[in-house]
Amino acid sequence: MSAGSLILKGVTALVGITAVLFVAATPYHGVHVEKEEWSFEGFFGKFDQAQMKRGFQVYSEVCAACHSMDLMHYRSLTEIGFTEAEVKDIAAAVTVMDGPDDAGEMFERPGRPSDKFKAPFANANAARASNNGALPPDLSLIARSRAGAGFGAYEGADYIHGLLTGYEEPPAGFQLAEGMSYNKGFVGHQIAMPNPISDGGVTYADGTAATVDQQARDVSAFLTWTGEPNYENRIYTGMKAMLFLIVFTLIAYAVKRRVWAKIH
C-alpha cells in the first residue's frame, strides 16, 4: 500500500472521528433549552426526596398512561423516601400477569415490590396502535439518553423540563403536520405527544402548587434519578477517592522530603 493511500485513509478516519465526536458533544442534538438549577448539581448535590416523590406522582398519574419504565422495580422507591409499607401499597394498586400456575395457566395478581413498573401496553404494536402509530419511548433511561455532552446528570433534566414546558402555538407560516403538536424544545419542533401536563393536572400530597413548571421540574428530577439511581453514591465515592489521593500525595511528598534531606 502506497504512502499516499495510507495518508488518505488516515485523513478520512480523522475526519469521521471528528464528526462523530462533534455530534456527540452537541447539547440536546441541536435543540436549545434553558439551563435550570437542580439540587443534584455539582460535587455536593443530592436529590430532594420530596421532589422525587412528587415526580413519581406525576409519572404515575400522567406519564405512565403511555410510557413504560421497564428497568425500574417498585422496591427501588424506598430509596427516595417511601416506606416499605407505602411501596407495598403502590405495587398492590396495579394488577400484573403471572404464571403459569400448576394447571399451566397464566393468572393475574396484585403487584409486589419485587415487580417491575407495570407497562401501559402489552407490546410495542399495541402501544403504536393507541398512539396514532407513534411508539412512546421507555422512560427508564430517558434523562441519561438526552444528556447533552454527557458530563452531568442535570443535562438530561434540562432537556426533559424544556420539552415539557416547550408546548406553544406554532409561529406564523410554520407547517404543522396533522396530529402533531408544536414544541420549541423538540427536534424539528413537531412532536407526536400532545401536551401532557397542565396547571393543576395533579394534586400533590404535600400541598405544593401543581403548576406546569413545578410538575415539569419534579418529573424531570425523578427521571434523572431513575436513569442513574446510584448518582449520589458515585459522586460521594469520587469525592472520597480524591480526598484519599490528596492525603496520599501529601504523605508521599513528606516522605520524599525526609528521605532526600538525609542524602543532601
C-alpha atoms as a PDB file:
ATOM      1  CA  MET A   1       0.000   0.000   0.000  1.00  0.00           C
ATOM      2  CA  SER A   2       1.421   3.376  -1.029  1.00  0.00           C
ATOM      3  CA  ALA A   3       2.190   6.184   1.412  1.00  0.00           C
ATOM      4  CA  GLY A   4      -0.374   8.406  -0.303  1.00  0.00           C
ATOM      5  CA  SER A   5      -3.096   5.819   0.190  1.00  0.00           C
ATOM      6  CA  LEU A   6      -2.217   5.480   3.866  1.00  0.00           C
ATOM      7  CA  ILE A   7      -2.312   9.245   4.345  1.00  0.00           C
ATOM      8  CA  LEU A   8      -5.692   9.475   2.579  1.00  0.00           C
ATOM      9  CA  LYS A   9      -7.165   6.738   4.775  1.00  0.00           C
ATOM     10  CA  GLY A  10      -5.753   8.374   7.863  1.00  0.00           C
ATOM     11  CA  VAL A  11      -7.251  11.755   6.982  1.00  0.00           C
ATOM     12  CA  THR A  12     -10.613  10.138   6.198  1.00  0.00           C
ATOM     13  CA  ALA A  13     -10.643   8.315   9.527  1.00  0.00           C
ATOM     14  CA  LEU A  14      -9.700  11.512  11.378  1.00  0.00           C
ATOM     15  CA  VAL A  15     -12.492  13.480   9.720  1.00  0.00           C
ATOM     16  CA  GLY A  16     -15.004  10.734  10.533  1.00  0.00           C
ATOM     17  CA  ILE A  17     -13.972  10.540  14.173  1.00  0.00           C
ATOM     18  CA  THR A  18     -14.090  14.336  14.498  1.00  0.00           C
ATOM     19  CA  ALA A  19     -17.610  14.428  13.014  1.00  0.00           C
ATOM     20  CA  VAL A  20     -18.848  11.733  15.402  1.00  0.00           C
ATOM     21  CA  LEU A  21     -17.355  13.497  18.426  1.00  0.00           C
ATOM     22  CA  PHE A  22     -18.826  16.821  17.295  1.00  0.00           C
ATOM     23  CA  VAL A  23     -22.321  15.364  17.001  1.00  0.00           C
ATOM     24  CA  ALA A  24     -22.000  13.536  20.330  1.00  0.00           C
ATOM     25  CA  ALA A  25     -20.872  16.708  22.088  1.00  0.00           C
ATOM     26  CA  THR A  26     -23.610  18.919  20.658  1.00  0.00           C
ATOM     27  CA  PRO A  27     -26.012  19.578  23.557  1.00  0.00           C
ATOM     28  CA  TYR A  28     -29.516  18.205  23.060  1.00  0.00           C
ATOM     29  CA  HIS A  29     -28.779  17.369  19.423  1.00  0.00           C
ATOM     30  CA  GLY A  30     -29.229  20.938  18.201  1.00  0.00           C
ATOM     31  CA  VAL A  31     -32.233  21.863  20.367  1.00  0.00           C
ATOM     32  CA  HIS A  32     -31.798  24.836  22.697  1.00  0.00           C
ATOM     33  CA  VAL A  33     -33.305  24.557  26.165  1.00  0.00           C
ATOM     34  CA  GLU A  34     -32.769  26.796  29.154  1.00  0.00           C
ATOM     35  CA  LYS A  35     -30.320  25.783  31.856  1.00  0.00           C
ATOM     36  CA  GLU A  36     -32.180  25.139  35.125  1.00  0.00           C
ATOM     37  CA  GLU A  37     -30.951  24.945  38.705  1.00  0.00           C
ATOM     38  CA  TRP A  38     -31.096  21.454  40.264  1.00  0.00           C
ATOM     39  CA  SER A  39     -30.446  20.253  43.794  1.00  0.00           C
ATOM     40  CA  PHE A  40     -28.337  17.369  42.493  1.00  0.00           C
ATOM     41  CA  GLU A  41     -25.827  19.507  40.585  1.00  0.00           C
ATOM     42  CA  GLY A  42     -22.160  19.582  41.471  1.00  0.00           C
ATOM     43  CA  PHE A  43     -19.967  17.579  43.815  1.00  0.00           C
ATOM     44  CA  PHE A  44     -22.167  18.307  46.811  1.00  0.00           C
ATOM     45  CA  GLY A  45     -25.506  17.886  45.052  1.00  0.00           C
ATOM     46  CA  LYS A  46     -28.156  15.455  46.197  1.00  0.00           C
ATOM     47  CA  PHE A  47     -31.664  14.522  45.199  1.00  0.00           C
ATOM     48  CA  ASP A  48     -34.521  16.165  47.075  1.00  0.00           C
ATOM     49  CA  GLN A  49     -36.677  13.283  48.318  1.00  0.00           C
ATOM     50  CA  ALA A  50     -39.819  15.435  48.497  1.00  0.00           C
ATOM     51  CA  GLN A  51     -39.305  16.379  44.868  1.00  0.00           C
ATOM     52  CA  MET A  52     -38.652  12.746  43.954  1.00  0.00           C
ATOM     53  CA  LYS A  53     -41.992  11.735  45.480  1.00  0.00           C
ATOM     54  CA  ARG A  54     -43.804  14.483  43.595  1.00  0.00           C
ATOM     55  CA  GLY A  55     -42.031  13.445  40.396  1.00  0.00           C
ATOM     56  CA  PHE A  56     -43.119   9.853  40.891  1.00  0.00           C
ATOM     57  CA  GLN A  57     -46.682  11.077  41.365  1.00  0.00           C
ATOM     58  CA  VAL A  58     -46.527  12.980  38.057  1.00  0.00           C
ATOM     59  CA  TYR A  59     -45.104   9.922  36.321  1.00  0.00           C
ATOM     60  CA  SER A  60     -47.765   7.642  37.831  1.00  0.00           C
ATOM     61  CA  GLU A  61     -50.750   9.877  37.130  1.00  0.00           C
ATOM     62  CA  VAL A  62     -49.673  11.370  33.805  1.00  0.00           C
ATOM     63  CA  CYS A  63     -46.720   9.686  32.077  1.00  0.00           C
ATOM     64  CA  ALA A  64     -47.474   6.047  32.967  1.00  0.00           C
ATOM     65  CA  ALA A  65     -50.606   6.099  30.803  1.00  0.00           C
ATOM     66  CA  CYS A  66     -48.359   5.871  27.724  1.00  0.00           C
ATOM     67  CA  HIS A  67     -44.756   5.391  28.820  1.00  0.00           C
ATOM     68  CA  SER A  68     -43.211   2.274  30.320  1.00  0.00           C
ATOM     69  CA  MET A  69     -40.278   2.131  32.728  1.00  0.00           C
ATOM     70  CA  ASP A  70     -39.014  -1.408  32.228  1.00  0.00           C
ATOM     71  CA  LEU A  71     -35.792  -1.076  34.226  1.00  0.00           C
ATOM     72  CA  MET A  72     -37.412   0.115  37.448  1.00  0.00           C
ATOM     73  CA  HIS A  73     -38.809  -2.035  40.274  1.00  0.00           C
ATOM     74  CA  TYR A  74     -41.301  -0.811  42.857  1.00  0.00           C
ATOM     75  CA  ARG A  75     -38.902  -1.758  45.664  1.00  0.00           C
ATOM     76  CA  SER A  76     -36.500   0.930  44.426  1.00  0.00           C
ATOM     77  CA  LEU A  77     -38.943   3.597  45.614  1.00  0.00           C
ATOM     78  CA  THR A  78     -37.683   3.114  49.181  1.00  0.00           C
ATOM     79  CA  GLU A  79     -34.518   4.911  48.015  1.00  0.00           C
ATOM     80  CA  ILE A  80     -36.435   8.162  47.527  1.00  0.00           C
ATOM     81  CA  GLY A  81     -38.177   8.160  50.883  1.00  0.00           C
ATOM     82  CA  PHE A  82     -41.167   5.850  50.557  1.00  0.00           C
ATOM     83  CA  THR A  83     -41.577   3.390  53.411  1.00  0.00           C
ATOM     84  CA  GLU A  84     -41.789  -0.342  52.752  1.00  0.00           C
ATOM     85  CA  ALA A  85     -45.491  -0.256  53.645  1.00  0.00           C
ATOM     86  CA  GLU A  86     -46.089   2.573  51.170  1.00  0.00           C
ATOM     87  CA  VAL A  87     -44.210   0.700  48.457  1.00  0.00           C
ATOM     88  CA  LYS A  88     -46.336  -2.412  49.073  1.00  0.00           C
ATOM     89  CA  ASP A  89     -49.483  -0.302  48.685  1.00  0.00           C
ATOM     90  CA  ILE A  90     -48.164   1.342  45.491  1.00  0.00           C
ATOM     91  CA  ALA A  91     -47.303  -2.036  43.976  1.00  0.00           C
ATOM     92  CA  ALA A  92     -50.581  -3.645  45.061  1.00  0.00           C
ATOM     93  CA  ALA A  93     -52.541  -0.906  43.282  1.00  0.00           C
ATOM     94  CA  VAL A  94     -51.662  -2.496  39.923  1.00  0.00           C
ATOM     95  CA  THR A  95     -52.546  -5.915  38.550  1.00  0.00           C
ATOM     96  CA  VAL A  96     -49.815  -7.948  36.865  1.00  0.00           C
ATOM     97  CA  MET A  97     -49.851 -11.130  34.812  1.00  0.00           C
ATOM     98  CA  ASP A  98     -48.040 -14.080  36.373  1.00  0.00           C
ATOM     99  CA  GLY A  99     -47.718 -17.792  35.904  1.00  0.00           C
ATOM    100  CA  PRO A 100     -48.063 -20.361  34.708  1.00  0.00           C
ATOM    101  CA  ASP A 101     -49.764 -21.923  37.718  1.00  0.00           C
ATOM    102  CA  ASP A 102     -49.929 -25.657  38.472  1.00  0.00           C
ATOM    103  CA  ALA A 103     -52.518 -26.044  35.731  1.00  0.00           C
ATOM    104  CA  GLY A 104     -50.288 -24.289  33.202  1.00  0.00           C
ATOM    105  CA  GLU A 105     -52.488 -21.206  33.089  1.00  0.00           C
ATOM    106  CA  MET A 106     -51.429 -17.575  33.352  1.00  0.00           C
ATOM    107  CA  PHE A 107     -53.189 -15.584  36.046  1.00  0.00           C
ATOM    108  CA  GLU A 108     -53.477 -12.038  37.349  1.00  0.00           C
ATOM    109  CA  ARG A 109     -52.417 -10.943  40.817  1.00  0.00           C
ATOM    110  CA  PRO A 110     -51.760  -7.704  42.724  1.00  0.00           C
ATOM    111  CA  GLY A 111     -48.324  -6.245  42.192  1.00  0.00           C
ATOM    112  CA  ARG A 112     -45.463  -6.808  44.602  1.00  0.00           C
ATOM    113  CA  PRO A 113     -42.447  -4.603  45.467  1.00  0.00           C
ATOM    114  CA  SER A 114     -40.230  -7.023  43.539  1.00  0.00           C
ATOM    115  CA  ASP A 115     -42.188  -6.436  40.312  1.00  0.00           C
ATOM    116  CA  LYS A 116     -41.058  -4.056  37.603  1.00  0.00           C
ATOM    117  CA  PHE A 117     -43.179  -0.976  36.988  1.00  0.00           C
ATOM    118  CA  LYS A 118     -46.232  -2.111  35.075  1.00  0.00           C
ATOM    119  CA  ALA A 119     -46.134  -1.204  31.388  1.00  0.00           C
ATOM    120  CA  PRO A 120     -49.205   0.556  29.958  1.00  0.00           C
ATOM    121  CA  PHE A 121     -49.324  -1.690  26.871  1.00  0.00           C
ATOM    122  CA  ALA A 122     -48.821  -5.392  26.298  1.00  0.00           C
ATOM    123  CA  ASN A 123     -46.337  -4.849  23.458  1.00  0.00           C
ATOM    124  CA  ALA A 124     -44.915  -2.263  21.059  1.00  0.00           C
ATOM    125  CA  ASN A 125     -47.606  -2.834  18.421  1.00  0.00           C
ATOM    126  CA  ALA A 126     -50.348  -2.196  20.963  1.00  0.00           C
ATOM    127  CA  ALA A 127     -48.558   0.996  22.037  1.00  0.00           C
ATOM    128  CA  ARG A 128     -48.339   2.225  18.441  1.00  0.00           C
ATOM    129  CA  ALA A 129     -51.968   1.367  17.759  1.00  0.00           C
ATOM    130  CA  SER A 130     -53.045   3.519  20.710  1.00  0.00           C
ATOM    131  CA  ASN A 131     -50.832   6.469  19.750  1.00  0.00           C
ATOM    132  CA  ASN A 132     -51.503   7.003  16.047  1.00  0.00           C
ATOM    133  CA  GLY A 133     -48.517   4.916  15.033  1.00  0.00           C
ATOM    134  CA  ALA A 134     -46.007   6.602  17.356  1.00  0.00           C
ATOM    135  CA  LEU A 135     -44.164   4.459  19.913  1.00  0.00           C
ATOM    136  CA  PRO A 136     -43.854   6.219  23.297  1.00  0.00           C
ATOM    137  CA  PRO A 137     -40.265   5.698  24.496  1.00  0.00           C
ATOM    138  CA  ASP A 138     -39.462   3.858  27.691  1.00  0.00           C
ATOM    139  CA  LEU A 139     -38.541   6.430  30.332  1.00  0.00           C
ATOM    140  CA  SER A 140     -36.115   4.372  32.422  1.00  0.00           C
ATOM    141  CA  LEU A 141     -33.035   5.986  30.861  1.00  0.00           C
ATOM    142  CA  ILE A 142     -34.611   8.950  29.090  1.00  0.00           C
ATOM    143  CA  ALA A 143     -32.659  11.540  31.102  1.00  0.00           C
ATOM    144  CA  ARG A 144     -29.338   9.804  30.506  1.00  0.00           C
ATOM    145  CA  SER A 145     -30.006   9.345  26.795  1.00  0.00           C
ATOM    146  CA  ARG A 146     -30.954  13.007  26.380  1.00  0.00           C
ATOM    147  CA  ALA A 147     -27.984  14.404  28.299  1.00  0.00           C
ATOM    148  CA  GLY A 148     -26.009  16.844  26.165  1.00  0.00           C
ATOM    149  CA  ALA A 149     -22.294  16.166  26.245  1.00  0.00           C
ATOM    150  CA  GLY A 150     -22.847  13.620  28.994  1.00  0.00           C
ATOM    151  CA  PHE A 151     -20.870  15.426  31.676  1.00  0.00           C
ATOM    152  CA  GLY A 152     -23.701  15.878  34.163  1.00  0.00           C
ATOM    153  CA  ALA A 153     -26.951  14.150  35.077  1.00  0.00           C
ATOM    154  CA  TYR A 154     -28.672  17.538  35.181  1.00  0.00           C
ATOM    155  CA  GLU A 155     -28.309  17.987  31.406  1.00  0.00           C
ATOM    156  CA  GLY A 156     -30.981  15.359  30.755  1.00  0.00           C
ATOM    157  CA  ALA A 157     -33.215  17.051  33.334  1.00  0.00           C
ATOM    158  CA  ASP A 158     -32.822  20.337  31.452  1.00  0.00           C
ATOM    159  CA  TYR A 159     -33.904  18.646  28.235  1.00  0.00           C
ATOM    160  CA  ILE A 160     -36.983  16.992  29.757  1.00  0.00           C
ATOM    161  CA  HIS A 161     -38.029  20.203  31.510  1.00  0.00           C
ATOM    162  CA  GLY A 162     -37.521  22.199  28.327  1.00  0.00           C
ATOM    163  CA  LEU A 163     -39.624  19.749  26.324  1.00  0.00           C
ATOM    164  CA  LEU A 164     -42.488  19.598  28.835  1.00  0.00           C
ATOM    165  CA  THR A 165     -42.655  23.392  29.064  1.00  0.00           C
ATOM    166  CA  GLY A 166     -41.990  23.926  25.356  1.00  0.00           C
ATOM    167  CA  TYR A 167     -45.523  23.467  24.014  1.00  0.00           C
ATOM    168  CA  GLU A 168     -46.919  26.585  22.376  1.00  0.00           C
ATOM    169  CA  GLU A 169     -48.763  27.773  19.312  1.00  0.00           C
ATOM    170  CA  PRO A 170     -46.689  27.410  16.116  1.00  0.00           C
ATOM    171  CA  PRO A 171     -45.304  30.647  14.672  1.00  0.00           C
ATOM    172  CA  ALA A 172     -46.872  32.154  11.580  1.00  0.00           C
ATOM    173  CA  GLY A 173     -46.004  30.204   8.457  1.00  0.00           C
ATOM    174  CA  PHE A 174     -44.899  27.068  10.268  1.00  0.00           C
ATOM    175  CA  GLN A 175     -46.289  23.945   8.576  1.00  0.00           C
ATOM    176  CA  LEU A 176     -47.505  21.667  11.356  1.00  0.00           C
ATOM    177  CA  ALA A 177     -48.285  18.116  10.236  1.00  0.00           C
ATOM    178  CA  GLU A 178     -51.640  16.591  11.073  1.00  0.00           C
ATOM    179  CA  GLY A 179     -51.753  15.040  14.538  1.00  0.00           C
ATOM    180  CA  MET A 180     -48.563  16.786  15.651  1.00  0.00           C
ATOM    181  CA  SER A 181     -48.009  19.447  18.304  1.00  0.00           C
ATOM    182  CA  TYR A 182     -45.578  22.347  18.148  1.00  0.00           C
ATOM    183  CA  ASN A 183     -42.798  22.194  20.740  1.00  0.00           C
ATOM    184  CA  LYS A 184     -39.827  24.560  20.738  1.00  0.00           C
ATOM    185  CA  GLY A 185     -37.785  22.094  22.802  1.00  0.00           C
ATOM    186  CA  PHE A 186     -38.104  19.164  20.402  1.00  0.00           C
ATOM    187  CA  VAL A 187     -36.033  18.413  17.308  1.00  0.00           C
ATOM    188  CA  GLY A 188     -37.898  19.788  14.302  1.00  0.00           C
ATOM    189  CA  HIS A 189     -40.398  21.417  16.707  1.00  0.00           C
ATOM    190  CA  GLN A 190     -43.042  18.810  15.835  1.00  0.00           C
ATOM    191  CA  ILE A 191     -43.890  16.134  18.380  1.00  0.00           C
ATOM    192  CA  ALA A 192     -46.495  13.370  18.289  1.00  0.00           C
ATOM    193  CA  MET A 193     -47.130  13.585  22.048  1.00  0.00           C
ATOM    194  CA  PRO A 194     -49.848  16.100  22.963  1.00  0.00           C
ATOM    195  CA  ASN A 195     -49.097  18.424  25.851  1.00  0.00           C
ATOM    196  CA  PRO A 196     -49.356  16.030  28.833  1.00  0.00           C
ATOM    197  CA  ILE A 197     -49.373  18.492  31.737  1.00  0.00           C
ATOM    198  CA  SER A 198     -51.461  21.498  32.708  1.00  0.00           C
ATOM    199  CA  ASP A 199     -51.799  23.709  35.748  1.00  0.00           C
ATOM    200  CA  GLY A 200     -53.472  21.702  38.498  1.00  0.00           C
ATOM    201  CA  GLY A 201     -53.209  18.493  36.483  1.00  0.00           C
ATOM    202  CA  VAL A 202     -52.260  16.624  39.652  1.00  0.00           C
ATOM    203  CA  THR A 203     -52.962  17.282  43.309  1.00  0.00           C
ATOM    204  CA  TYR A 204     -49.736  16.955  45.235  1.00  0.00           C
ATOM    205  CA  ALA A 205     -49.963  15.091  48.510  1.00  0.00           C
ATOM    206  CA  ASP A 206     -47.636  17.613  50.189  1.00  0.00           C
ATOM    207  CA  GLY A 207     -49.744  20.606  49.135  1.00  0.00           C
ATOM    208  CA  THR A 208     -47.263  22.026  46.612  1.00  0.00           C
ATOM    209  CA  ALA A 209     -48.916  24.111  43.886  1.00  0.00           C
ATOM    210  CA  ALA A 210     -49.011  21.920  40.768  1.00  0.00           C
ATOM    211  CA  THR A 211     -48.079  24.477  38.117  1.00  0.00           C
ATOM    212  CA  VAL A 212     -46.838  23.320  34.733  1.00  0.00           C
ATOM    213  CA  ASP A 213     -43.298  24.376  35.619  1.00  0.00           C
ATOM    214  CA  GLN A 214     -43.414  22.607  39.000  1.00  0.00           C
ATOM    215  CA  GLN A 215     -44.696  19.357  37.523  1.00  0.00           C
ATOM    216  CA  ALA A 216     -42.089  19.514  34.759  1.00  0.00           C
ATOM    217  CA  ARG A 217     -39.282  20.123  37.272  1.00  0.00           C
ATOM    218  CA  ASP A 218     -40.439  17.342  39.590  1.00  0.00           C
ATOM    219  CA  VAL A 219     -40.815  14.648  36.947  1.00  0.00           C
ATOM    220  CA  SER A 220     -37.547  15.742  35.296  1.00  0.00           C
ATOM    221  CA  ALA A 221     -35.718  15.243  38.594  1.00  0.00           C
ATOM    222  CA  PHE A 222     -37.419  11.887  39.149  1.00  0.00           C
ATOM    223  CA  LEU A 223     -36.494  10.648  35.667  1.00  0.00           C
ATOM    224  CA  THR A 224     -32.926  11.787  36.250  1.00  0.00           C
ATOM    225  CA  TRP A 225     -32.814   9.599  39.342  1.00  0.00           C
ATOM    226  CA  THR A 226     -34.330   6.588  37.552  1.00  0.00           C
ATOM    227  CA  GLY A 227     -31.661   6.922  34.876  1.00  0.00           C
ATOM    228  CA  GLU A 228     -28.885   6.784  37.457  1.00  0.00           C
ATOM    229  CA  PRO A 229     -30.111   5.728  40.926  1.00  0.00           C
ATOM    230  CA  ASN A 230     -26.511   5.438  42.155  1.00  0.00           C
ATOM    231  CA  TYR A 231     -25.664   9.016  41.119  1.00  0.00           C
ATOM    232  CA  GLU A 232     -25.188  10.306  44.664  1.00  0.00           C
ATOM    233  CA  ASN A 233     -23.104   7.278  45.690  1.00  0.00           C
ATOM    234  CA  ARG A 234     -20.929   7.730  42.615  1.00  0.00           C
ATOM    235  CA  ILE A 235     -20.322  11.386  43.474  1.00  0.00           C
ATOM    236  CA  TYR A 236     -19.527  10.592  47.114  1.00  0.00           C
ATOM    237  CA  THR A 237     -17.206   7.757  46.092  1.00  0.00           C
ATOM    238  CA  GLY A 238     -15.390  10.106  43.733  1.00  0.00           C
ATOM    239  CA  MET A 239     -15.006  12.691  46.491  1.00  0.00           C
ATOM    240  CA  LYS A 240     -13.594  10.064  48.869  1.00  0.00           C
ATOM    241  CA  ALA A 241     -11.173   8.879  46.191  1.00  0.00           C
ATOM    242  CA  MET A 242      -9.997  12.443  45.527  1.00  0.00           C
ATOM    243  CA  LEU A 243      -9.554  13.091  49.264  1.00  0.00           C
ATOM    244  CA  PHE A 244      -7.552   9.876  49.606  1.00  0.00           C
ATOM    245  CA  LEU A 245      -5.319  10.809  46.667  1.00  0.00           C
ATOM    246  CA  ILE A 246      -4.703  14.276  48.109  1.00  0.00           C
ATOM    247  CA  VAL A 247      -3.764  12.875  51.532  1.00  0.00           C
ATOM    248  CA  PHE A 248      -1.632  10.148  49.945  1.00  0.00           C
ATOM    249  CA  THR A 249       0.186  12.730  47.796  1.00  0.00           C
ATOM    250  CA  LEU A 250       0.929  14.895  50.837  1.00  0.00           C
ATOM    251  CA  ILE A 251       2.250  11.870  52.764  1.00  0.00           C
ATOM    252  CA  ALA A 252       4.364  10.763  49.813  1.00  0.00           C
ATOM    253  CA  TYR A 253       5.762  14.277  49.462  1.00  0.00           C
ATOM    254  CA  ALA A 254       6.583  14.416  53.178  1.00  0.00           C
ATOM    255  CA  VAL A 255       8.328  11.033  52.999  1.00  0.00           C
ATOM    256  CA  LYS A 256      10.260  12.132  49.935  1.00  0.00           C
ATOM    257  CA  ARG A 257      11.422  15.285  51.714  1.00  0.00           C
ATOM    258  CA  ARG A 258      12.503  13.291  54.747  1.00  0.00           C
ATOM    259  CA  VAL A 259      14.430  10.678  52.709  1.00  0.00           C
ATOM    260  CA  TRP A 260      16.197  13.132  50.414  1.00  0.00           C
ATOM    261  CA  ALA A 261      17.010  15.516  53.265  1.00  0.00           C
ATOM    262  CA  LYS A 262      19.480  12.939  54.614  1.00  0.00           C
ATOM    263  CA  ILE A 263      21.052  12.404  51.199  1.00  0.00           C
ATOM    264  CA  HIS A 264      21.641  16.104  50.569  1.00  0.00           C
END
